[in-house]
Amino acid sequence: MGFVKRSSGKIVHVWAFCGNGKEKFVKSNNFEMEWPAGSGEMMKFPEVDDGRYFGLDVARRKIHKHQLEFLDRLEEIVGLKKVHADKQGKLF
């Protein structure tokens, strides 16, 4: 699927697959940041806390506006532009 670089400089990488909704796969890396701010103490937090399946119609409503480009790319890759959402399967 690729990546996009946000205006903040953060690079967001995305992948997708077609599944049946029974896969259990979410495992996150951790990132470190000073917390509470100004305390001088570093804490670790998960990058990802949840993973779910959505059709493209629902995904467009839930995804961050700066990441909509990924759904456009996915539609082009798998040729789903004209397919009704209930026939798409669930994509993550």
PDB file of N, CA and C in Angstrom:
ATOM      1  N   MET A   1       0.819  -1.186   0.000  1.00  0.00           N
ATOM      2  CA  MET A   1       0.000   0.000   0.000  1.00  0.00           C
ATOM      3  C   MET A   1       0.863   1.250   0.000  1.00  0.00           C
ATOM      4  N   GLY A   2       1.946   1.243   0.763  1.00  0.00           N
ATOM      5  CA  GLY A   2       2.822   2.387   0.714  1.00  0.00           C
ATOM      6  C   GLY A   2       2.819   3.231   1.970  1.00  0.00           C
ATOM      7  N   PHE A   3       3.153   4.502   1.791  1.00  0.00           N
ATOM      8  CA  PHE A   3       3.253   5.412   2.927  1.00  0.00           C
ATOM      9  C   PHE A   3       2.882   6.817   2.482  1.00  0.00           C
ATOM     10  N   VAL A   4       2.565   7.655   3.462  1.00  0.00           N
ATOM     11  CA  VAL A   4       2.408   9.089   3.240  1.00  0.00           C
ATOM     12  C   VAL A   4       3.186   9.799   4.337  1.00  0.00           C
ATOM     13  N   LYS A   5       3.697  10.970   3.999  1.00  0.00           N
ATOM     14  CA  LYS A   5       4.403  11.785   4.984  1.00  0.00           C
ATOM     15  C   LYS A   5       3.474  12.917   5.385  1.00  0.00           C
ATOM     16  N   ARG A   6       3.164  12.984   6.665  1.00  0.00           N
ATOM     17  CA  ARG A   6       2.281  14.025   7.192  1.00  0.00           C
ATOM     18  C   ARG A   6       3.049  15.337   7.305  1.00  0.00           C
ATOM     19  N   SER A   7       2.318  16.440   7.421  1.00  0.00           N
ATOM     20  CA  SER A   7       2.948  17.756   7.524  1.00  0.00           C
ATOM     21  C   SER A   7       3.829  17.864   8.775  1.00  0.00           C
ATOM     22  N   SER A   8       3.536  17.051   9.792  1.00  0.00           N
ATOM     23  CA  SER A   8       4.340  17.050  11.014  1.00  0.00           C
ATOM     24  C   SER A   8       5.680  16.355  10.810  1.00  0.00           C
ATOM     25  N   GLY A   9       5.831  15.669   9.657  1.00  0.00           N
ATOM     26  CA  GLY A   9       7.051  14.917   9.397  1.00  0.00           C
ATOM     27  C   GLY A   9       6.888  13.432   9.683  1.00  0.00           C
ATOM     28  N   LYS A  10       5.799  13.056  10.363  1.00  0.00           N
ATOM     29  CA  LYS A  10       5.556  11.650  10.665  1.00  0.00           C
ATOM     30  C   LYS A  10       5.270  10.894   9.373  1.00  0.00           C
ATOM     31  N   ILE A  11       5.881   9.725   9.233  1.00  0.00           N
ATOM     32  CA  ILE A  11       5.639   8.876   8.069  1.00  0.00           C
ATOM     33  C   ILE A  11       4.715   7.746   8.500  1.00  0.00           C
ATOM     34  N   VAL A  12       3.585   7.608   7.789  1.00  0.00           N
ATOM     35  CA  VAL A  12       2.586   6.591   8.100  1.00  0.00           C
ATOM     36  C   VAL A  12       2.655   5.514   7.023  1.00  0.00           C
ATOM     37  N   HIS A  13       2.922   4.266   7.436  1.00  0.00           N
ATOM     38  CA  HIS A  13       2.968   3.120   6.528  1.00  0.00           C
ATOM     39  C   HIS A  13       1.677   2.324   6.690  1.00  0.00           C
ATOM     40  N   VAL A  14       1.118   1.867   5.577  1.00  0.00           N
ATOM     41  CA  VAL A  14      -0.143   1.123   5.625  1.00  0.00           C
ATOM     42  C   VAL A  14      -0.059  -0.107   4.742  1.00  0.00           C
ATOM     43  N   TRP A  15      -0.720  -1.172   5.166  1.00  0.00           N
ATOM     44  CA  TRP A  15      -0.858  -2.386   4.381  1.00  0.00           C
ATOM     45  C   TRP A  15      -2.298  -2.835   4.459  1.00  0.00           C
ATOM     46  N   ALA A  16      -2.711  -3.702   3.567  1.00  0.00           N
ATOM     47  CA  ALA A  16      -4.086  -4.197   3.551  1.00  0.00           C
ATOM     48  C   ALA A  16      -4.097  -5.657   3.116  1.00  0.00           C
ATOM     49  N   PHE A  17      -5.126  -6.381   3.523  1.00  0.00           N
ATOM     50  CA  PHE A  17      -5.336  -7.737   3.054  1.00  0.00           C
ATOM     51  C   PHE A  17      -6.819  -8.053   3.124  1.00  0.00           C
ATOM     52  N   CYS A  18      -7.221  -9.046   2.402  1.00  0.00           N
ATOM     53  CA  CYS A  18      -8.604  -9.496   2.424  1.00  0.00           C
ATOM     54  C   CYS A  18      -8.654 -10.705   3.348  1.00  0.00           C
ATOM     55  N   GLY A  19      -9.554 -10.710   4.294  1.00  0.00           N
ATOM     56  CA  GLY A  19      -9.641 -11.811   5.243  1.00  0.00           C
ATOM     57  C   GLY A  19     -11.081 -12.130   5.568  1.00  0.00           C
ATOM     58  N   ASN A  20     -11.263 -13.071   6.465  1.00  0.00           N
ATOM     59  CA  ASN A  20     -12.616 -13.480   6.833  1.00  0.00           C
ATOM     60  C   ASN A  20     -13.057 -12.933   8.181  1.00  0.00           C
ATOM     61  N   GLY A  21     -12.223 -12.132   8.813  1.00  0.00           N
ATOM     62  CA  GLY A  21     -12.576 -11.526  10.092  1.00  0.00           C
ATOM     63  C   GLY A  21     -12.227 -12.357  11.299  1.00  0.00           C
ATOM     64  N   LYS A  22     -11.679 -13.531  11.087  1.00  0.00           N
ATOM     65  CA  LYS A  22     -11.342 -14.405  12.220  1.00  0.00           C
ATOM     66  C   LYS A  22      -9.868 -14.332  12.605  1.00  0.00           C
ATOM     67  N   GLU A  23      -9.070 -13.644  11.778  1.00  0.00           N
ATOM     68  CA  GLU A  23      -7.640 -13.547  12.060  1.00  0.00           C
ATOM     69  C   GLU A  23      -7.397 -12.726  13.327  1.00  0.00           C
ATOM     70  N   LYS A  24      -6.466 -13.172  14.110  1.00  0.00           N
ATOM     71  CA  LYS A  24      -6.042 -12.441  15.316  1.00  0.00           C
ATOM     72  C   LYS A  24      -4.580 -12.078  15.112  1.00  0.00           C
ATOM     73  N   PHE A  25      -4.310 -10.842  14.792  1.00  0.00           N
ATOM     74  CA  PHE A  25      -2.979 -10.492  14.345  1.00  0.00           C
ATOM     75  C   PHE A  25      -2.417  -9.208  14.921  1.00  0.00           C
ATOM     76  N   VAL A  26      -3.181  -8.457  15.662  1.00  0.00           N
ATOM     77  CA  VAL A  26      -2.698  -7.143  16.080  1.00  0.00           C
ATOM     78  C   VAL A  26      -1.644  -7.288  17.165  1.00  0.00           C
ATOM     79  N   LYS A  27      -0.470  -6.829  16.836  1.00  0.00           N
ATOM     80  CA  LYS A  27       0.631  -6.765  17.795  1.00  0.00           C
ATOM     81  C   LYS A  27       1.330  -5.449  17.530  1.00  0.00           C
ATOM     82  N   SER A  28       1.580  -4.700  18.541  1.00  0.00           N
ATOM     83  CA  SER A  28       2.085  -3.348  18.373  1.00  0.00           C
ATOM     84  C   SER A  28       3.530  -3.202  18.812  1.00  0.00           C
ATOM     85  N   ASN A  29       4.205  -2.288  18.157  1.00  0.00           N
ATOM     86  CA  ASN A  29       5.478  -1.778  18.656  1.00  0.00           C
ATOM     87  C   ASN A  29       5.146  -0.741  19.718  1.00  0.00           C
ATOM     88  N   ASN A  30       6.128  -0.394  20.509  1.00  0.00           N
ATOM     89  CA  ASN A  30       5.958   0.679  21.482  1.00  0.00           C
ATOM     90  C   ASN A  30       6.750   1.903  21.045  1.00  0.00           C
ATOM     91  N   PHE A  31       6.296   3.061  21.471  1.00  0.00           N
ATOM     92  CA  PHE A  31       7.070   4.278  21.281  1.00  0.00           C
ATOM     93  C   PHE A  31       7.269   4.890  22.653  1.00  0.00           C
ATOM     94  N   GLU A  32       8.295   5.699  22.748  1.00  0.00           N
ATOM     95  CA  GLU A  32       8.641   6.304  24.025  1.00  0.00           C
ATOM     96  C   GLU A  32       8.444   7.808  23.951  1.00  0.00           C
ATOM     97  N   MET A  33       7.884   8.362  25.017  1.00  0.00           N
ATOM     98  CA  MET A  33       7.749   9.816  25.097  1.00  0.00           C
ATOM     99  C   MET A  33       7.784  10.251  26.554  1.00  0.00           C
ATOM    100  N   GLU A  34       8.108  11.507  26.744  1.00  0.00           N
ATOM    101  CA  GLU A  34       8.139  12.066  28.090  1.00  0.00           C
ATOM    102  C   GLU A  34       6.701  12.201  28.582  1.00  0.00           C
ATOM    103  N   TRP A  35       6.410  11.570  29.737  1.00  0.00           N
ATOM    104  CA  TRP A  35       5.060  11.644  30.287  1.00  0.00           C
ATOM    105  C   TRP A  35       5.110  11.579  31.793  1.00  0.00           C
ATOM    106  N   PRO A  36       4.406  12.449  32.461  1.00  0.00           N
ATOM    107  CA  PRO A  36       3.704  13.630  31.962  1.00  0.00           C
ATOM    108  C   PRO A  36       4.680  14.635  31.373  1.00  0.00           C
ATOM    109  N   ALA A  37       4.171  15.446  30.463  1.00  0.00           N
ATOM    110  CA  ALA A  37       4.997  16.434  29.774  1.00  0.00           C
ATOM    111  C   ALA A  37       5.750  17.304  30.786  1.00  0.00           C
ATOM    112  N   GLY A  38       7.023  17.477  30.549  1.00  0.00           N
ATOM    113  CA  GLY A  38       7.842  18.312  31.431  1.00  0.00           C
ATOM    114  C   GLY A  38       8.355  17.605  32.671  1.00  0.00           C
ATOM    115  N   SER A  39       8.007  16.331  32.858  1.00  0.00           N
ATOM    116  CA  SER A  39       8.400  15.607  34.075  1.00  0.00           C
ATOM    117  C   SER A  39       9.815  15.061  34.003  1.00  0.00           C
ATOM    118  N   GLY A  40      10.342  14.912  32.781  1.00  0.00           N
ATOM    119  CA  GLY A  40      11.658  14.300  32.631  1.00  0.00           C
ATOM    120  C   GLY A  40      11.613  12.782  32.654  1.00  0.00           C
ATOM    121  N   GLU A  41      10.431  12.201  32.858  1.00  0.00           N
ATOM    122  CA  GLU A  41      10.289  10.742  32.879  1.00  0.00           C
ATOM    123  C   GLU A  41       9.790  10.242  31.526  1.00  0.00           C
ATOM    124  N   MET A  42      10.443   9.180  31.040  1.00  0.00           N
ATOM    125  CA  MET A  42      10.044   8.589  29.761  1.00  0.00           C
ATOM    126  C   MET A  42       9.174   7.369  30.023  1.00  0.00           C
ATOM    127  N   MET A  43       8.098   7.270  29.247  1.00  0.00           N
ATOM    128  CA  MET A  43       7.198   6.114  29.353  1.00  0.00           C
ATOM    129  C   MET A  43       6.997   5.518  27.973  1.00  0.00           C
ATOM    130  N   LYS A  44       6.674   4.218  27.934  1.00  0.00           N
ATOM    131  CA  LYS A  44       6.409   3.528  26.676  1.00  0.00           C
ATOM    132  C   LYS A  44       4.907   3.370  26.491  1.00  0.00           C
ATOM    133  N   PHE A  45       4.469   3.545  25.238  1.00  0.00           N
ATOM    134  CA  PHE A  45       3.064   3.400  24.885  1.00  0.00           C
ATOM    135  C   PHE A  45       2.966   2.594  23.592  1.00  0.00           C
ATOM    136  N   PRO A  46       1.884   1.813  23.419  1.00  0.00           N
ATOM    137  CA  PRO A  46       1.729   1.054  22.169  1.00  0.00           C
ATOM    138  C   PRO A  46       1.365   1.978  21.006  1.00  0.00           C
ATOM    139  N   GLU A  47       1.926   1.687  19.817  1.00  0.00           N
ATOM    140  CA  GLU A  47       1.569   2.420  18.595  1.00  0.00           C
ATOM    141  C   GLU A  47       0.134   2.101  18.190  1.00  0.00           C
ATOM    142  N   VAL A  48      -0.254   0.842  18.347  1.00  0.00           N
ATOM    143  CA  VAL A  48      -1.576   0.374  17.917  1.00  0.00           C
ATOM    144  C   VAL A  48      -2.253  -0.295  19.099  1.00  0.00           C
ATOM    145  N   ASP A  49      -3.523   0.038  19.326  1.00  0.00           N
ATOM    146  CA  ASP A  49      -4.226  -0.602  20.432  1.00  0.00           C
ATOM    147  C   ASP A  49      -5.374  -1.498  19.969  1.00  0.00           C
ATOM    148  N   ASP A  50      -5.696  -1.473  18.663  1.00  0.00           N
ATOM    149  CA  ASP A  50      -6.833  -2.241  18.186  1.00  0.00           C
ATOM    150  C   ASP A  50      -6.722  -2.443  16.682  1.00  0.00           C
ATOM    151  N   GLY A  51      -7.312  -3.497  16.183  1.00  0.00           N
ATOM    152  CA  GLY A  51      -7.391  -3.747  14.747  1.00  0.00           C
ATOM    153  C   GLY A  51      -8.772  -4.282  14.428  1.00  0.00           C
ATOM    154  N   ARG A  52      -9.412  -3.759  13.391  1.00  0.00           N
ATOM    155  CA  ARG A  52     -10.763  -4.187  13.031  1.00  0.00           C
ATOM    156  C   ARG A  52     -10.910  -4.247  11.519  1.00  0.00           C
ATOM    157  N   TYR A  53     -11.925  -4.974  11.086  1.00  0.00           N
ATOM    158  CA  TYR A  53     -12.249  -5.084   9.667  1.00  0.00           C
ATOM    159  C   TYR A  53     -13.390  -4.132   9.320  1.00  0.00           C
ATOM    160  N   PHE A  54     -13.260  -3.468   8.160  1.00  0.00           N
ATOM    161  CA  PHE A  54     -14.316  -2.585   7.667  1.00  0.00           C
ATOM    162  C   PHE A  54     -14.387  -2.703   6.158  1.00  0.00           C
ATOM    163  N   GLY A  55     -15.584  -2.556   5.615  1.00  0.00           N
ATOM    164  CA  GLY A  55     -15.721  -2.336   4.187  1.00  0.00           C
ATOM    165  C   GLY A  55     -15.214  -0.933   3.890  1.00  0.00           C
ATOM    166  N   LEU A  56     -14.943  -0.652   2.619  1.00  0.00           N
ATOM    167  CA  LEU A  56     -14.389   0.656   2.266  1.00  0.00           C
ATOM    168  C   LEU A  56     -15.313   1.809   2.616  1.00  0.00           C
ATOM    169  N   ASP A  57     -16.624   1.600   2.525  1.00  0.00           N
ATOM    170  CA  ASP A  57     -17.558   2.683   2.846  1.00  0.00           C
ATOM    171  C   ASP A  57     -17.424   3.106   4.305  1.00  0.00           C
ATOM    172  N   VAL A  58     -17.355   2.143   5.199  1.00  0.00           N
ATOM    173  CA  VAL A  58     -17.215   2.435   6.635  1.00  0.00           C
ATOM    174  C   VAL A  58     -15.800   2.967   6.920  1.00  0.00           C
ATOM    175  N   ALA A  59     -14.814   2.383   6.274  1.00  0.00           N
ATOM    176  CA  ALA A  59     -13.428   2.823   6.492  1.00  0.00           C
ATOM    177  C   ALA A  59     -13.264   4.303   6.141  1.00  0.00           C
ATOM    178  N   ARG A  60     -13.934   4.768   5.101  1.00  0.00           N
ATOM    179  CA  ARG A  60     -13.831   6.185   4.710  1.00  0.00           C
ATOM    180  C   ARG A  60     -14.375   7.111   5.795  1.00  0.00           C
ATOM    181  N   ARG A  61     -15.337   6.634   6.565  1.00  0.00           N
ATOM    182  CA  ARG A  61     -15.880   7.463   7.647  1.00  0.00           C
ATOM    183  C   ARG A  61     -15.010   7.422   8.899  1.00  0.00           C
ATOM    184  N   LYS A  62     -14.258   6.337   9.079  1.00  0.00           N
ATOM    185  CA  LYS A  62     -13.493   6.157  10.309  1.00  0.00           C
ATOM    186  C   LYS A  62     -12.034   6.596  10.212  1.00  0.00           C
ATOM    187  N   ILE A  63     -11.473   6.543   9.025  1.00  0.00           N
ATOM    188  CA  ILE A  63     -10.034   6.788   8.880  1.00  0.00           C
ATOM    189  C   ILE A  63      -9.717   8.281   9.034  1.00  0.00           C
ATOM    190  N   HIS A  64      -8.525   8.568   9.461  1.00  0.00           N
ATOM    191  CA  HIS A  64      -8.055   9.957   9.569  1.00  0.00           C
ATOM    192  C   HIS A  64      -8.056  10.572   8.179  1.00  0.00           C
ATOM    193  N   LYS A  65      -8.499  11.809   8.065  1.00  0.00           N
ATOM    194  CA  LYS A  65      -8.655  12.451   6.751  1.00  0.00           C
ATOM    195  C   LYS A  65      -7.359  12.477   5.948  1.00  0.00           C
ATOM    196  N   HIS A  66      -6.231  12.539   6.608  1.00  0.00           N
ATOM    197  CA  HIS A  66      -4.953  12.555   5.903  1.00  0.00           C
ATOM    198  C   HIS A  66      -4.548  11.170   5.397  1.00  0.00           C
ATOM    199  N   GLN A  67      -5.318  10.143   5.761  1.00  0.00           N
ATOM    200  CA  GLN A  67      -5.001   8.790   5.324  1.00  0.00           C
ATOM    201  C   GLN A  67      -6.010   8.248   4.306  1.00  0.00           C
ATOM    202  N   LEU A  68      -6.967   9.076   3.892  1.00  0.00           N
ATOM    203  CA  LEU A  68      -7.930   8.665   2.870  1.00  0.00           C
ATOM    204  C   LEU A  68      -7.243   8.233   1.580  1.00  0.00           C
ATOM    205  N   GLU A  69      -6.097   8.822   1.312  1.00  0.00           N
ATOM    206  CA  GLU A  69      -5.324   8.472   0.115  1.00  0.00           C
ATOM    207  C   GLU A  69      -5.061   6.964   0.044  1.00  0.00           C
ATOM    208  N   PHE A  70      -4.874   6.327   1.193  1.00  0.00           N
ATOM    209  CA  PHE A  70      -4.625   4.887   1.209  1.00  0.00           C
ATOM    210  C   PHE A  70      -5.823   4.105   0.671  1.00  0.00           C
ATOM    211  N   LEU A  71      -7.021   4.541   1.026  1.00  0.00           N
ATOM    212  CA  LEU A  71      -8.207   3.846   0.536  1.00  0.00           C
ATOM    213  C   LEU A  71      -8.367   4.036  -0.966  1.00  0.00           C
ATOM    214  N   ASP A  72      -8.015   5.216  -1.463  1.00  0.00           N
ATOM    215  CA  ASP A  72      -8.040   5.444  -2.914  1.00  0.00           C
ATOM    216  C   ASP A  72      -7.065   4.502  -3.608  1.00  0.00           C
ATOM    217  N   ARG A  73      -5.870   4.372  -3.042  1.00  0.00           N
ATOM    218  CA  ARG A  73      -4.859   3.467  -3.618  1.00  0.00           C
ATOM    219  C   ARG A  73      -5.367   2.028  -3.609  1.00  0.00           C
ATOM    220  N   LEU A  74      -5.988   1.632  -2.505  1.00  0.00           N
ATOM    221  CA  LEU A  74      -6.500   0.265  -2.396  1.00  0.00           C
ATOM    222  C   LEU A  74      -7.551  -0.004  -3.458  1.00  0.00           C
ATOM    223  N   GLU A  75      -8.464   0.934  -3.652  1.00  0.00           N
ATOM    224  CA  GLU A  75      -9.495   0.767  -4.679  1.00  0.00           C
ATOM    225  C   GLU A  75      -8.872   0.575  -6.054  1.00  0.00           C
ATOM    226  N   GLU A  76      -7.849   1.346  -6.348  1.00  0.00           N
ATOM    227  CA  GLU A  76      -7.178   1.216  -7.644  1.00  0.00           C
ATOM    228  C   GLU A  76      -6.484  -0.127  -7.781  1.00  0.00           C
ATOM    229  N   ILE A  77      -5.816  -0.549  -6.724  1.00  0.00           N
ATOM    230  CA  ILE A  77      -5.053  -1.797  -6.764  1.00  0.00           C
ATOM    231  C   ILE A  77      -5.957  -3.002  -6.995  1.00  0.00           C
ATOM    232  N   VAL A  78      -7.048  -3.066  -6.279  1.00  0.00           N
ATOM    233  CA  VAL A  78      -7.900  -4.262  -6.372  1.00  0.00           C
ATOM    234  C   VAL A  78      -9.122  -4.066  -7.256  1.00  0.00           C
ATOM    235  N   GLY A  79      -9.274  -2.894  -7.855  1.00  0.00           N
ATOM    236  CA  GLY A  79     -10.349  -2.665  -8.805  1.00  0.00           C
ATOM    237  C   GLY A  79     -11.735  -2.683  -8.206  1.00  0.00           C
ATOM    238  N   LEU A  80     -11.906  -2.065  -7.052  1.00  0.00           N
ATOM    239  CA  LEU A  80     -13.198  -2.088  -6.372  1.00  0.00           C
ATOM    240  C   LEU A  80     -14.031  -0.832  -6.600  1.00  0.00           C
ATOM    241  N   LYS A  81     -13.596   0.085  -7.413  1.00  0.00           N
ATOM    242  CA  LYS A  81     -14.279   1.381  -7.565  1.00  0.00           C
ATOM    243  C   LYS A  81     -15.781   1.247  -7.746  1.00  0.00           C
ATOM    244  N   LYS A  82     -16.240   0.313  -8.570  1.00  0.00           N
ATOM    245  CA  LYS A  82     -17.658   0.235  -8.919  1.00  0.00           C
ATOM    246  C   LYS A  82     -18.411  -0.850  -8.149  1.00  0.00           C
ATOM    247  N   VAL A  83     -17.734  -1.537  -7.246  1.00  0.00           N
ATOM    248  CA  VAL A  83     -18.355  -2.648  -6.531  1.00  0.00           C
ATOM    249  C   VAL A  83     -19.086  -2.125  -5.296  1.00  0.00           C
ATOM    250  N   HIS A  84     -20.319  -2.544  -5.103  1.00  0.00           N
ATOM    251  CA  HIS A  84     -21.104  -2.132  -3.936  1.00  0.00           C
ATOM    252  C   HIS A  84     -20.441  -2.655  -2.668  1.00  0.00           C
ATOM    253  N   ALA A  85     -20.524  -1.895  -1.587  1.00  0.00           N
ATOM    254  CA  ALA A  85     -19.813  -2.215  -0.352  1.00  0.00           C
ATOM    255  C   ALA A  85     -20.112  -3.613   0.171  1.00  0.00           C
ATOM    256  N   ASP A  86     -21.335  -4.101   0.036  1.00  0.00           N
ATOM    257  CA  ASP A  86     -21.632  -5.422   0.601  1.00  0.00           C
ATOM    258  C   ASP A  86     -21.037  -6.550  -0.223  1.00  0.00           C
ATOM    259  N   LYS A  87     -20.502  -6.252  -1.394  1.00  0.00           N
ATOM    260  CA  LYS A  87     -19.876  -7.270  -2.227  1.00  0.00           C
ATOM    261  C   LYS A  87     -18.357  -7.186  -2.180  1.00  0.00           C
ATOM    262  N   GLN A  88     -17.812  -6.222  -1.465  1.00  0.00           N
ATOM    263  CA  GLN A  88     -16.378  -6.016  -1.420  1.00  0.00           C
ATOM    264  C   GLN A  88     -15.673  -7.019  -0.520  1.00  0.00           C
ATOM    265  N   GLY A  89     -16.361  -7.562   0.422  1.00  0.00           N
ATOM    266  CA  GLY A  89     -15.673  -8.299   1.475  1.00  0.00           C
ATOM    267  C   GLY A  89     -15.207  -7.281   2.491  1.00  0.00           C
ATOM    268  N   LYS A  90     -14.563  -7.750   3.495  1.00  0.00           N
ATOM    269  CA  LYS A  90     -14.089  -6.825   4.509  1.00  0.00           C
ATOM    270  C   LYS A  90     -12.591  -6.689   4.363  1.00  0.00           C
ATOM    271  N   LEU A  91     -12.151  -5.468   4.284  1.00  0.00           N
ATOM    272  CA  LEU A  91     -10.740  -5.183   4.073  1.00  0.00           C
ATOM    273  C   LEU A  91     -10.178  -4.496   5.292  1.00  0.00           C
ATOM    274  N   PHE A  92      -8.964  -4.841   5.629  1.00  0.00           N
ATOM    275  CA  PHE A  92      -8.288  -4.177   6.732  1.00  0.00           C
ATOM    276  C   PHE A  92      -7.070  -3.510   6.188  1.00  0.00           C
TER     277      PHE A  92
END
